[in-house]
Amino acid sequence: MKNDFIDRKTELSRLRELVGLKNPPFIVITGRRRIGKTRLIREFLEGEENAIYLFVEEKRGDLLLEEWSAELEEGVLFRSWEDLFRHIFGKYRILVIDEFQNFLRVEPSVFSTLQKILDEGRGSMLVVMGSYMGMMKRIFEDRKAPLFGRAGEIWKMEPLPMKDVFNWMRLDMEEKVSVYSMFGGFPKYYVVMEEYGAKSTEEIWKKLVIPKYAPLSSEPYNILLQEFGKDYRMHFSIIEAVASGKRTYTEIADYTHISTTTLPRHLDNLLGLDIVERRYPVTEGYRSKKARYRIKDEFVGFWFRYIFRNMHLREMEMYDEMFSLIKDDFPSYVGPAFEEVVRKLVMQGREYEKVGSWWSRKGDEMDIVALNEKKKGILFGEVKWRNRPIGCDIIDELMEKKDLVKWNNEDRKEKFLIVSKSGFTKKCMERMDSEGIVHWDLKDIERMMEKI
C-alpha cells in the first residue's frame, strides 16, 4: 500500500476552503465506521495549530467534562458544558468533536447548550462527526431536536471510488477483485490488512476474520448492534436472508418468518443505512414489481454469509472447517461482485446513462444491460468468474436473450460485451472478433483501471 490516506481530495479541499471564511459554517460529517472520517480530519488538522480534536467517550457526563477540561491543559476544571464550549470557541479556530452521537447517552443537554451558542454566532469552525447514522439523524433531522437546522453543511461520506481502491492495492488483478468483493470501498479494512501482513484473500480469512480474537472477527456484529439496539435480531435475520441469496420480498419474508406488517419497516431501516439496497431491471423504474434486494455493504455481506451462519464452528475453534467452507463457496460469492466491477467500468465509459442488470419474472437474466436514451443505444453483456476459458456457447446465450429485453426493439443500436476472468477459447475469440463483440479479460480490466 502507498499510505493510509486514499483520495478524499474533494472533501479535504472543501474543509480547507471553509476554514478560511470569516464565519465558517457548522459542519456535520456522517458515515459508517471504517469509512475514513477520522482519517480525513487528521489530514485536515495537520499543520493547523489553532485547532482541537475531542472524542465523546461513553461515560458519565461529569467525568467526560472533567476529562475534556484536562485536555485543554490550562489547569482549569470547567463546571458546565456551556463554560467549556464558550472557552473553546473563544480560543480555538477549529473544534472537532468525534462520535458526537454519544452525547445522546452521555449528556443530552449538550445539544441545547450548543444550540444557544450557535444561535448567538461564533467565529470558530465547528465540525462534528458520527458513525451511527440512525442516531445522527435523530440529532440533526428531527424537527423537535435542538440542533435541527443548525448545520451549515451535512456530509454523508461514501465508500471510496473503486478505481482508487484498485490502484492502491499491490496485488494481481484476480486478488484485487476478490479482496474488493469483501471490503468494498472502506479504507480502514485495507489498512488493517496491511498492518497484519495479509497479502491474499486466504490470509485475510486466516488472520483477520475467522479466529475469535481476529481484528475483524466481529466487526459487522458490533457496528449493527449499536445501530439497531434491541431490534437487532430481526435486522440480522433479514441481512442473513439477503446474504444467503434471498433476493425478493417474498423470499426474504419466507426465510425470516417476519410478518408482512413488520418486514417493510425493518427493510427500510437497512436501506436507509446503506446496508441493503433495492434494485430494479435497468429498463424499468422504481414502480416495477420486480424489485430485488442485495447487500450493499460488502463486508457485511461476506460476514453474514460465512461467519454469522457458522458461529458454532468458531465457538468450537474449528477454524480449518470454516476456512474450507469459505474456500469452496467463495467463487460463487465473487461472481456477482465481479459483475458489479464491470458495471462500474461501463458507467465510467460515459457512453451509457443507465447501467445495470436485467431479469424477467420467468427467471431470464442478463448481467449487464446499459442504455443510451438519446441515441437509442443498448449494450448487452455477460460476465463470468470461472477458472476456465469461455467458449462460443456464451455468445449463443447472449444472442438468444437479447430480444427478451423490451426496449426500443424495433429501432435500437445493439452492442455486445463478454467478460471472462480466465479468457476465451480460440474459436470464441475468432467469432467475437468477426461479429464485433467487445471482450475483456482481467488484463484488459487492469489496463482500464489504470487509465480511469
Protein backbone atom coordinates (compact mmCIF):
# COMPACT_ATOMS: atom_id res chain seq x y z
CA MET A 1 0.00 0.00 0.00
CA LYS A 2 1.17 3.55 -0.68
CA ASN A 3 -0.02 5.04 2.60
CA ASP A 4 -3.15 5.01 4.72
CA PHE A 5 -4.87 8.04 3.16
CA ILE A 6 -6.59 7.42 -0.15
CA ASP A 7 -8.36 10.02 -2.26
CA ARG A 8 -10.84 12.28 -0.31
CA LYS A 9 -9.31 15.20 -2.21
CA THR A 10 -12.72 16.81 -2.69
CA GLU A 11 -13.65 16.64 0.99
CA LEU A 12 -10.22 17.82 2.13
CA SER A 13 -10.24 20.75 -0.28
CA ARG A 14 -13.72 21.75 0.87
CA LEU A 15 -12.74 21.76 4.55
CA ARG A 16 -9.71 23.92 3.82
CA GLU A 17 -11.85 26.29 1.81
CA LEU A 18 -14.45 26.64 4.58
CA VAL A 19 -11.98 27.24 7.40
CA GLY A 20 -10.71 30.27 5.51
CA LEU A 21 -14.09 32.01 5.69
CA LYS A 22 -14.68 34.79 8.20
CA ASN A 23 -17.58 32.83 9.74
CA PRO A 24 -17.07 29.15 8.87
CA PRO A 25 -20.26 27.05 8.81
CA PHE A 26 -21.12 24.30 11.27
CA ILE A 27 -20.18 21.04 9.51
CA VAL A 28 -21.70 17.62 10.25
CA ILE A 29 -19.89 14.59 8.82
CA THR A 30 -21.68 11.26 8.98
CA GLY A 31 -20.78 7.87 7.58
CA ARG A 32 -20.32 4.29 8.63
CA ARG A 33 -17.43 3.25 10.83
CA ARG A 34 -14.25 2.49 8.85
CA ILE A 35 -15.30 4.88 6.07
CA GLY A 36 -12.40 7.25 6.81
CA LYS A 37 -13.97 10.21 8.66
CA THR A 38 -11.33 10.43 11.38
CA ARG A 39 -8.50 9.90 8.90
CA LEU A 40 -9.85 12.78 6.80
CA ILE A 41 -9.94 15.06 9.84
CA ARG A 42 -6.42 14.09 10.85
CA GLU A 43 -5.23 15.10 7.40
CA PHE A 44 -7.20 18.37 7.61
CA LEU A 45 -5.85 19.27 11.06
CA GLU A 46 -2.24 18.54 10.16
CA GLY A 47 -0.42 21.86 10.33
CA GLU A 48 -3.40 23.63 11.95
CA GLU A 49 -2.02 24.95 15.24
CA ASN A 50 -5.19 26.71 16.38
CA ALA A 51 -7.36 23.57 16.48
CA ILE A 52 -8.54 20.99 19.00
CA TYR A 53 -9.92 17.47 18.49
CA LEU A 54 -12.15 15.91 21.17
CA PHE A 55 -13.70 12.44 21.33
CA VAL A 56 -17.02 11.65 23.06
CA GLU A 57 -16.45 8.51 25.08
CA GLU A 58 -19.42 6.71 26.58
CA LYS A 59 -19.00 7.58 30.24
CA ARG A 60 -20.73 9.74 32.84
CA GLY A 61 -21.18 13.33 31.68
CA ASP A 62 -19.37 14.87 34.67
CA LEU A 63 -16.37 12.59 34.09
CA LEU A 64 -16.21 13.49 30.40
CA LEU A 65 -16.42 17.21 31.25
CA GLU A 66 -13.54 16.76 33.67
CA GLU A 67 -11.53 14.83 31.07
CA TRP A 68 -12.06 17.46 28.38
CA SER A 69 -11.09 20.21 30.85
CA ALA A 70 -7.80 18.38 31.42
CA GLU A 71 -7.21 18.01 27.67
CA LEU A 72 -7.18 21.80 27.32
CA GLU A 73 -4.06 21.74 29.56
CA GLU A 74 -4.86 25.04 31.22
CA GLY A 75 -5.31 23.86 34.78
CA VAL A 76 -8.98 24.86 34.80
CA LEU A 77 -11.83 22.48 35.71
CA PHE A 78 -14.94 23.71 33.92
CA ARG A 79 -18.15 23.30 35.90
CA SER A 80 -20.57 23.39 32.98
CA TRP A 81 -20.60 22.42 29.32
CA GLU A 82 -21.56 25.98 28.37
CA ASP A 83 -18.47 27.40 30.08
CA LEU A 84 -16.26 24.83 28.38
CA PHE A 85 -17.64 25.42 24.87
CA ARG A 86 -17.55 29.21 25.24
CA HIS A 87 -13.91 28.95 26.29
CA ILE A 88 -13.04 26.68 23.33
CA PHE A 89 -14.81 28.90 20.79
CA GLY A 90 -13.07 31.93 22.23
CA LYS A 91 -9.61 30.36 21.97
CA TYR A 92 -9.57 27.93 19.02
CA ARG A 93 -10.24 28.49 15.35
CA ILE A 94 -11.32 24.88 14.81
CA LEU A 95 -13.17 22.49 17.14
CA VAL A 96 -13.70 18.88 16.02
CA ILE A 97 -15.91 16.54 18.06
CA ASP A 98 -15.77 12.86 17.10
CA GLU A 99 -18.56 10.30 17.75
CA PHE A 100 -20.87 13.20 18.54
CA GLN A 101 -23.94 10.96 18.74
CA ASN A 102 -22.63 9.50 22.00
CA PHE A 103 -23.88 12.66 23.76
CA LEU A 104 -27.36 11.12 23.44
CA ARG A 105 -26.30 8.69 26.18
CA VAL A 106 -23.66 10.77 27.96
CA GLU A 107 -25.16 14.25 28.27
CA PRO A 108 -28.14 15.15 26.03
CA SER A 109 -28.21 18.70 27.44
CA VAL A 110 -25.13 19.45 25.31
CA PHE A 111 -27.38 19.78 22.24
CA SER A 112 -29.38 22.65 23.77
CA THR A 113 -26.18 24.26 25.02
CA LEU A 114 -24.65 24.19 21.55
CA GLN A 115 -27.89 25.45 20.02
CA LYS A 116 -27.74 28.50 22.27
CA ILE A 117 -24.10 29.24 21.42
CA LEU A 118 -24.56 28.64 17.71
CA ASP A 119 -27.59 30.92 17.55
CA GLU A 120 -25.56 33.72 19.16
CA GLY A 121 -22.90 33.38 16.47
CA ARG A 122 -19.25 32.44 16.66
CA GLY A 123 -16.10 32.86 14.58
CA SER A 124 -14.78 29.35 15.03
CA MET A 125 -15.29 26.35 12.78
CA LEU A 126 -17.23 23.51 14.44
CA VAL A 127 -17.02 20.05 12.86
CA VAL A 128 -18.87 17.12 14.43
CA MET A 129 -18.66 13.52 13.25
CA GLY A 130 -20.78 10.47 13.92
CA SER A 131 -20.67 6.83 12.87
CA TYR A 132 -24.16 5.68 13.83
CA MET A 133 -26.43 7.01 11.14
CA GLY A 134 -29.74 6.50 12.92
CA MET A 135 -28.59 8.42 15.99
CA MET A 136 -27.11 11.25 13.92
CA LYS A 137 -30.41 11.57 12.05
CA ARG A 138 -32.26 11.95 15.35
CA ILE A 139 -29.93 14.77 16.38
CA PHE A 140 -29.97 16.77 13.15
CA GLU A 141 -33.09 15.76 11.18
CA ASP A 142 -35.76 15.54 13.87
CA ARG A 143 -37.67 18.83 13.73
CA LYS A 144 -38.08 18.83 17.51
CA ALA A 145 -34.35 18.35 18.16
CA PRO A 146 -32.38 21.42 19.41
CA LEU A 147 -29.82 21.21 16.59
CA PHE A 148 -32.32 20.77 13.78
CA GLY A 149 -31.49 23.24 11.01
CA ARG A 150 -28.31 24.50 12.70
CA ALA A 151 -25.79 22.70 10.49
CA GLY A 152 -24.49 24.68 7.55
CA GLU A 153 -23.49 21.53 5.69
CA ILE A 154 -24.24 17.87 6.37
CA TRP A 155 -21.95 15.42 4.62
CA LYS A 156 -22.53 11.73 4.23
CA MET A 157 -19.16 10.17 3.45
CA GLU A 158 -19.46 7.40 0.90
CA PRO A 159 -17.12 4.44 0.32
CA LEU A 160 -14.04 5.21 -1.75
CA PRO A 161 -14.36 5.02 -5.55
CA MET A 162 -13.50 1.60 -6.94
CA LYS A 163 -10.65 2.95 -9.11
CA ASP A 164 -8.84 4.43 -6.11
CA VAL A 165 -9.04 1.19 -4.15
CA PHE A 166 -7.85 -0.93 -7.09
CA ASN A 167 -4.97 1.39 -7.92
CA TRP A 168 -3.98 1.44 -4.24
CA MET A 169 -3.74 -2.32 -3.77
CA ARG A 170 -0.43 -4.03 -4.61
CA LEU A 171 -1.90 -7.37 -5.71
CA ASP A 172 -2.60 -9.10 -9.01
CA MET A 173 -5.96 -8.34 -10.58
CA GLU A 174 -7.63 -11.59 -9.54
CA GLU A 175 -6.76 -10.91 -5.89
CA LYS A 176 -7.82 -7.27 -6.23
CA VAL A 177 -11.29 -8.30 -7.38
CA SER A 178 -11.51 -10.92 -4.63
CA VAL A 179 -10.43 -8.55 -1.85
CA TYR A 180 -12.68 -5.78 -3.15
CA SER A 181 -15.63 -8.20 -3.10
CA MET A 182 -15.10 -8.46 0.68
CA PHE A 183 -14.02 -4.95 1.69
CA GLY A 184 -15.51 -2.65 -0.95
CA GLY A 185 -14.56 0.99 -0.53
CA PHE A 186 -13.94 1.01 3.24
CA PRO A 187 -10.31 2.19 3.62
CA LYS A 188 -9.74 1.03 7.19
CA TYR A 189 -10.04 -2.63 6.22
CA TYR A 190 -7.20 -2.28 3.73
CA VAL A 191 -5.07 -0.59 6.38
CA VAL A 192 -5.75 -3.48 8.79
CA MET A 193 -4.89 -5.89 6.00
CA GLU A 194 -1.52 -4.19 5.58
CA GLU A 195 -0.85 -3.95 9.33
CA TYR A 196 -1.34 -7.70 9.78
CA GLY A 197 0.59 -8.65 6.67
CA ALA A 198 -2.38 -10.28 4.93
CA LYS A 199 -1.43 -10.42 1.24
CA SER A 200 -4.23 -12.58 -0.16
CA THR A 201 -7.86 -13.44 0.40
CA GLU A 202 -6.91 -16.66 2.18
CA GLU A 203 -4.58 -14.80 4.55
CA ILE A 204 -7.39 -12.32 5.24
CA TRP A 205 -9.66 -15.18 6.30
CA LYS A 206 -6.99 -16.78 8.49
CA LYS A 207 -5.56 -13.63 10.08
CA LEU A 208 -8.35 -11.07 10.14
CA VAL A 209 -11.75 -12.75 10.12
CA ILE A 210 -12.09 -16.39 11.18
CA PRO A 211 -10.39 -16.69 14.62
CA LYS A 212 -12.34 -15.48 17.64
CA TYR A 213 -9.90 -12.71 18.50
CA ALA A 214 -9.00 -11.63 14.96
CA PRO A 215 -9.23 -7.84 14.43
CA LEU A 216 -12.30 -8.03 12.14
CA SER A 217 -13.87 -11.16 13.60
CA SER A 218 -16.96 -9.37 14.98
CA GLU A 219 -16.80 -6.05 13.14
CA PRO A 220 -20.25 -6.11 11.43
CA TYR A 221 -21.89 -7.53 14.56
CA ASN A 222 -20.60 -4.70 16.75
CA ILE A 223 -21.48 -1.97 14.26
CA LEU A 224 -25.01 -3.21 13.62
CA LEU A 225 -25.70 -3.90 17.28
CA GLN A 226 -25.04 -0.22 18.00
CA GLU A 227 -27.33 0.86 15.17
CA PHE A 228 -30.30 -1.36 15.94
CA GLY A 229 -30.17 -1.90 19.70
CA LYS A 230 -32.91 -4.24 20.91
CA ASP A 231 -34.24 -4.65 17.38
CA TYR A 232 -31.04 -6.23 16.10
CA ARG A 233 -32.33 -9.81 15.80
CA MET A 234 -34.92 -9.05 13.11
CA HIS A 235 -32.47 -6.90 11.17
CA PHE A 236 -29.83 -9.64 11.41
CA SER A 237 -32.32 -12.18 10.07
CA ILE A 238 -33.06 -10.02 7.04
CA ILE A 239 -29.37 -9.43 6.33
CA GLU A 240 -28.68 -13.16 6.63
CA ALA A 241 -31.53 -13.89 4.21
CA VAL A 242 -30.26 -11.47 1.57
CA ALA A 243 -26.63 -12.57 2.06
CA SER A 244 -27.81 -16.14 1.51
CA GLY A 245 -29.29 -15.29 -1.87
CA LYS A 246 -32.90 -14.45 -0.99
CA ARG A 247 -33.42 -11.51 -3.31
CA THR A 248 -37.17 -10.85 -3.48
CA TYR A 249 -39.53 -9.57 -0.80
CA THR A 250 -41.39 -12.89 -0.76
CA GLU A 251 -38.18 -14.92 -0.42
CA ILE A 252 -37.00 -12.74 2.47
CA ALA A 253 -40.36 -12.99 4.23
CA ASP A 254 -40.45 -16.79 3.85
CA TYR A 255 -36.87 -17.16 5.08
CA THR A 256 -37.19 -14.87 8.13
CA HIS A 257 -40.85 -15.56 9.08
CA ILE A 258 -41.17 -11.84 9.86
CA SER A 259 -44.75 -10.61 9.46
CA THR A 260 -45.65 -8.56 6.39
CA THR A 261 -46.68 -5.69 8.66
CA THR A 262 -43.25 -5.55 10.30
CA LEU A 263 -40.87 -6.50 7.48
CA PRO A 264 -41.20 -3.26 5.44
CA ARG A 265 -40.12 -1.11 8.39
CA HIS A 266 -37.02 -3.19 9.04
CA LEU A 267 -36.15 -3.31 5.36
CA ASP A 268 -36.47 0.48 5.19
CA ASN A 269 -34.06 0.79 8.13
CA LEU A 270 -31.48 -1.33 6.31
CA LEU A 271 -31.99 0.61 3.09
CA GLY A 272 -31.59 3.93 4.92
CA LEU A 273 -28.30 2.82 6.45
CA ASP A 274 -26.90 1.59 3.12
CA ILE A 275 -26.61 -1.97 4.41
CA VAL A 276 -29.08 -3.28 1.84
CA GLU A 277 -30.19 -1.79 -1.48
CA ARG A 278 -33.22 -2.32 -3.67
CA ARG A 279 -32.71 -2.73 -7.42
CA TYR A 280 -34.93 -2.96 -10.47
CA PRO A 281 -34.37 -4.20 -14.04
CA VAL A 282 -32.50 -1.36 -15.76
CA THR A 283 -35.29 -0.94 -18.33
CA GLU A 284 -37.90 -0.36 -15.59
CA GLY A 285 -38.44 2.27 -12.91
CA TYR A 286 -38.94 2.14 -9.16
CA ARG A 287 -42.64 1.35 -9.63
CA SER A 288 -41.73 -2.04 -11.07
CA LYS A 289 -42.90 -5.07 -9.12
CA LYS A 290 -39.71 -6.95 -9.98
CA ALA A 291 -37.62 -5.40 -7.20
CA ARG A 292 -34.67 -7.37 -5.84
CA TYR A 293 -32.56 -6.78 -2.77
CA ARG A 294 -28.80 -7.12 -2.39
CA ILE A 295 -26.26 -6.41 0.34
CA LYS A 296 -24.68 -3.07 -0.43
CA ASP A 297 -22.00 -3.21 2.27
CA GLU A 298 -19.53 -5.82 1.03
CA PHE A 299 -18.02 -6.85 4.35
CA VAL A 300 -21.43 -7.15 5.99
CA GLY A 301 -22.47 -9.46 3.15
CA PHE A 302 -19.33 -11.57 3.44
CA TRP A 303 -19.54 -11.80 7.24
CA PHE A 304 -23.20 -12.83 7.34
CA ARG A 305 -22.73 -15.38 4.57
CA TYR A 306 -19.71 -17.12 6.07
CA ILE A 307 -19.18 -16.15 9.73
CA PHE A 308 -22.62 -15.45 11.21
CA ARG A 309 -24.06 -18.68 9.81
CA ASN A 310 -21.13 -20.71 11.15
CA MET A 311 -20.70 -19.25 14.62
CA HIS A 312 -20.98 -22.73 16.11
CA LEU A 313 -17.77 -23.69 14.34
CA ARG A 314 -15.98 -20.62 15.62
CA GLU A 315 -17.09 -21.25 19.18
CA MET A 316 -15.56 -24.72 18.95
CA GLU A 317 -12.47 -23.17 17.33
CA MET A 318 -12.97 -25.31 14.22
CA TYR A 319 -11.13 -22.76 12.12
CA ASP A 320 -9.94 -25.17 9.44
CA GLU A 321 -13.51 -26.25 8.79
CA MET A 322 -14.61 -22.60 8.47
CA PHE A 323 -11.73 -21.92 6.11
CA SER A 324 -12.74 -24.85 3.89
CA LEU A 325 -16.37 -23.73 3.78
CA ILE A 326 -15.35 -20.26 2.63
CA LYS A 327 -12.80 -21.52 0.12
CA ASP A 328 -15.24 -23.94 -1.52
CA ASP A 329 -18.02 -21.37 -1.90
CA PHE A 330 -16.02 -18.19 -2.46
CA PRO A 331 -16.03 -18.22 -6.30
CA SER A 332 -19.83 -18.07 -6.27
CA TYR A 333 -19.60 -15.13 -3.86
CA VAL A 334 -17.08 -13.20 -6.00
CA GLY A 335 -19.07 -13.70 -9.21
CA PRO A 336 -21.76 -11.05 -8.51
CA ALA A 337 -19.09 -8.70 -7.16
CA PHE A 338 -17.14 -9.08 -10.42
CA GLU A 339 -20.31 -8.20 -12.33
CA GLU A 340 -20.56 -5.03 -10.23
CA VAL A 341 -16.95 -4.13 -11.06
CA VAL A 342 -17.73 -4.45 -14.78
CA ARG A 343 -20.90 -2.35 -14.48
CA LYS A 344 -18.90 0.44 -12.87
CA LEU A 345 -16.33 0.27 -15.65
CA VAL A 346 -19.06 0.51 -18.28
CA MET A 347 -20.50 3.51 -16.44
CA GLN A 348 -17.05 5.14 -16.38
CA GLY A 349 -17.02 4.99 -20.19
CA ARG A 350 -19.86 7.58 -20.21
CA GLU A 351 -21.42 6.12 -23.37
CA TYR A 352 -24.49 4.97 -21.45
CA GLU A 353 -26.58 6.96 -18.95
CA LYS A 354 -28.11 3.91 -17.28
CA VAL A 355 -26.11 0.79 -16.46
CA GLY A 356 -27.48 -2.17 -14.57
CA SER A 357 -28.74 -5.71 -15.00
CA TRP A 358 -31.98 -7.17 -16.28
CA TRP A 359 -34.28 -10.02 -15.30
CA SER A 360 -37.78 -11.27 -16.04
CA ARG A 361 -40.44 -12.96 -13.95
CA LYS A 362 -39.70 -16.24 -15.77
CA GLY A 363 -36.13 -16.31 -14.47
CA ASP A 364 -34.29 -14.99 -17.53
CA GLU A 365 -31.35 -12.79 -16.52
CA MET A 366 -28.65 -10.66 -18.12
CA ASP A 367 -25.59 -9.49 -16.17
CA ILE A 368 -25.13 -6.18 -17.99
CA VAL A 369 -27.66 -4.02 -19.79
CA ALA A 370 -26.72 -0.39 -20.48
CA LEU A 371 -28.90 2.23 -22.14
CA ASN A 372 -28.27 5.42 -24.11
CA GLU A 373 -31.71 7.03 -24.27
CA LYS A 374 -30.82 9.78 -26.76
CA LYS A 375 -29.10 7.57 -29.30
CA LYS A 376 -31.28 4.52 -28.60
CA GLY A 377 -28.11 2.55 -27.93
CA ILE A 378 -28.16 -0.61 -25.84
CA LEU A 379 -25.32 -2.79 -24.60
CA PHE A 380 -25.86 -6.42 -23.63
CA GLY A 381 -23.20 -8.14 -21.57
CA GLU A 382 -22.32 -11.36 -19.80
CA VAL A 383 -19.70 -11.65 -17.05
CA LYS A 384 -18.12 -14.94 -15.96
CA TRP A 385 -15.90 -15.62 -12.95
CA ARG A 386 -14.69 -19.10 -13.91
CA ASN A 387 -11.37 -20.94 -13.84
CA ARG A 388 -11.63 -22.00 -17.49
CA PRO A 389 -11.78 -20.08 -20.78
CA ILE A 390 -15.21 -19.21 -22.13
CA GLY A 391 -16.49 -20.92 -25.29
CA CYS A 392 -18.90 -19.93 -28.05
CA ASP A 393 -21.93 -21.12 -26.09
CA ILE A 394 -21.87 -17.84 -24.14
CA ILE A 395 -22.25 -15.91 -27.39
CA ASP A 396 -25.24 -18.06 -28.38
CA GLU A 397 -26.89 -17.50 -24.99
CA LEU A 398 -26.36 -13.75 -25.21
CA MET A 399 -27.91 -13.56 -28.68
CA GLU A 400 -30.91 -15.64 -27.60
CA LYS A 401 -31.64 -13.49 -24.54
CA LYS A 402 -31.19 -10.03 -26.05
CA ASP A 403 -34.59 -9.98 -27.75
CA LEU A 404 -36.29 -10.67 -24.42
CA VAL A 405 -35.29 -7.18 -23.26
CA LYS A 406 -38.20 -4.97 -24.35
CA TRP A 407 -36.67 -1.56 -25.02
CA ASN A 408 -36.94 0.12 -28.44
CA ASN A 409 -36.76 -3.35 -30.02
CA GLU A 410 -37.66 -2.11 -33.49
CA ASP A 411 -35.19 0.78 -33.57
CA ARG A 412 -32.10 0.39 -31.40
CA LYS A 413 -28.35 0.15 -31.92
CA GLU A 414 -27.10 -3.01 -30.23
CA LYS A 415 -23.63 -3.67 -28.89
CA PHE A 416 -22.30 -6.68 -27.01
CA LEU A 417 -19.74 -7.27 -24.27
CA ILE A 418 -18.42 -10.53 -22.82
CA VAL A 419 -16.08 -10.50 -19.82
CA SER A 420 -14.16 -13.53 -18.57
CA LYS A 421 -11.82 -13.97 -15.63
CA SER A 422 -9.95 -16.76 -17.45
CA GLY A 423 -10.06 -15.58 -21.06
CA PHE A 424 -11.65 -17.25 -24.08
CA THR A 425 -11.15 -20.27 -26.33
CA LYS A 426 -9.57 -19.64 -29.72
CA LYS A 427 -12.86 -20.27 -31.55
CA CYS A 428 -14.69 -17.92 -29.24
CA MET A 429 -12.10 -15.17 -29.82
CA GLU A 430 -12.34 -15.58 -33.58
CA ARG A 431 -16.12 -15.41 -33.56
CA MET A 432 -16.25 -12.38 -31.25
CA ASP A 433 -13.77 -10.54 -33.47
CA SER A 434 -15.71 -11.39 -36.62
CA GLU A 435 -19.05 -10.32 -35.08
CA GLY A 436 -17.70 -7.15 -33.42
CA ILE A 437 -18.31 -8.32 -29.85
CA VAL A 438 -16.20 -6.47 -27.28
CA HIS A 439 -14.36 -8.86 -24.95
CA TRP A 440 -12.40 -8.20 -21.76
CA ASP A 441 -10.26 -10.38 -19.55
CA LEU A 442 -8.51 -9.43 -16.30
CA LYS A 443 -5.59 -7.85 -18.15
CA ASP A 444 -7.98 -5.58 -20.03
CA ILE A 445 -9.69 -4.59 -16.79
CA GLU A 446 -6.34 -3.82 -15.19
CA ARG A 447 -5.39 -1.51 -18.06
CA MET A 448 -8.73 0.28 -17.84
CA MET A 449 -8.39 0.78 -14.09
CA GLU A 450 -5.02 2.45 -14.58
CA LYS A 451 -6.47 4.88 -17.13
CA ILE A 452 -9.51 5.98 -15.14
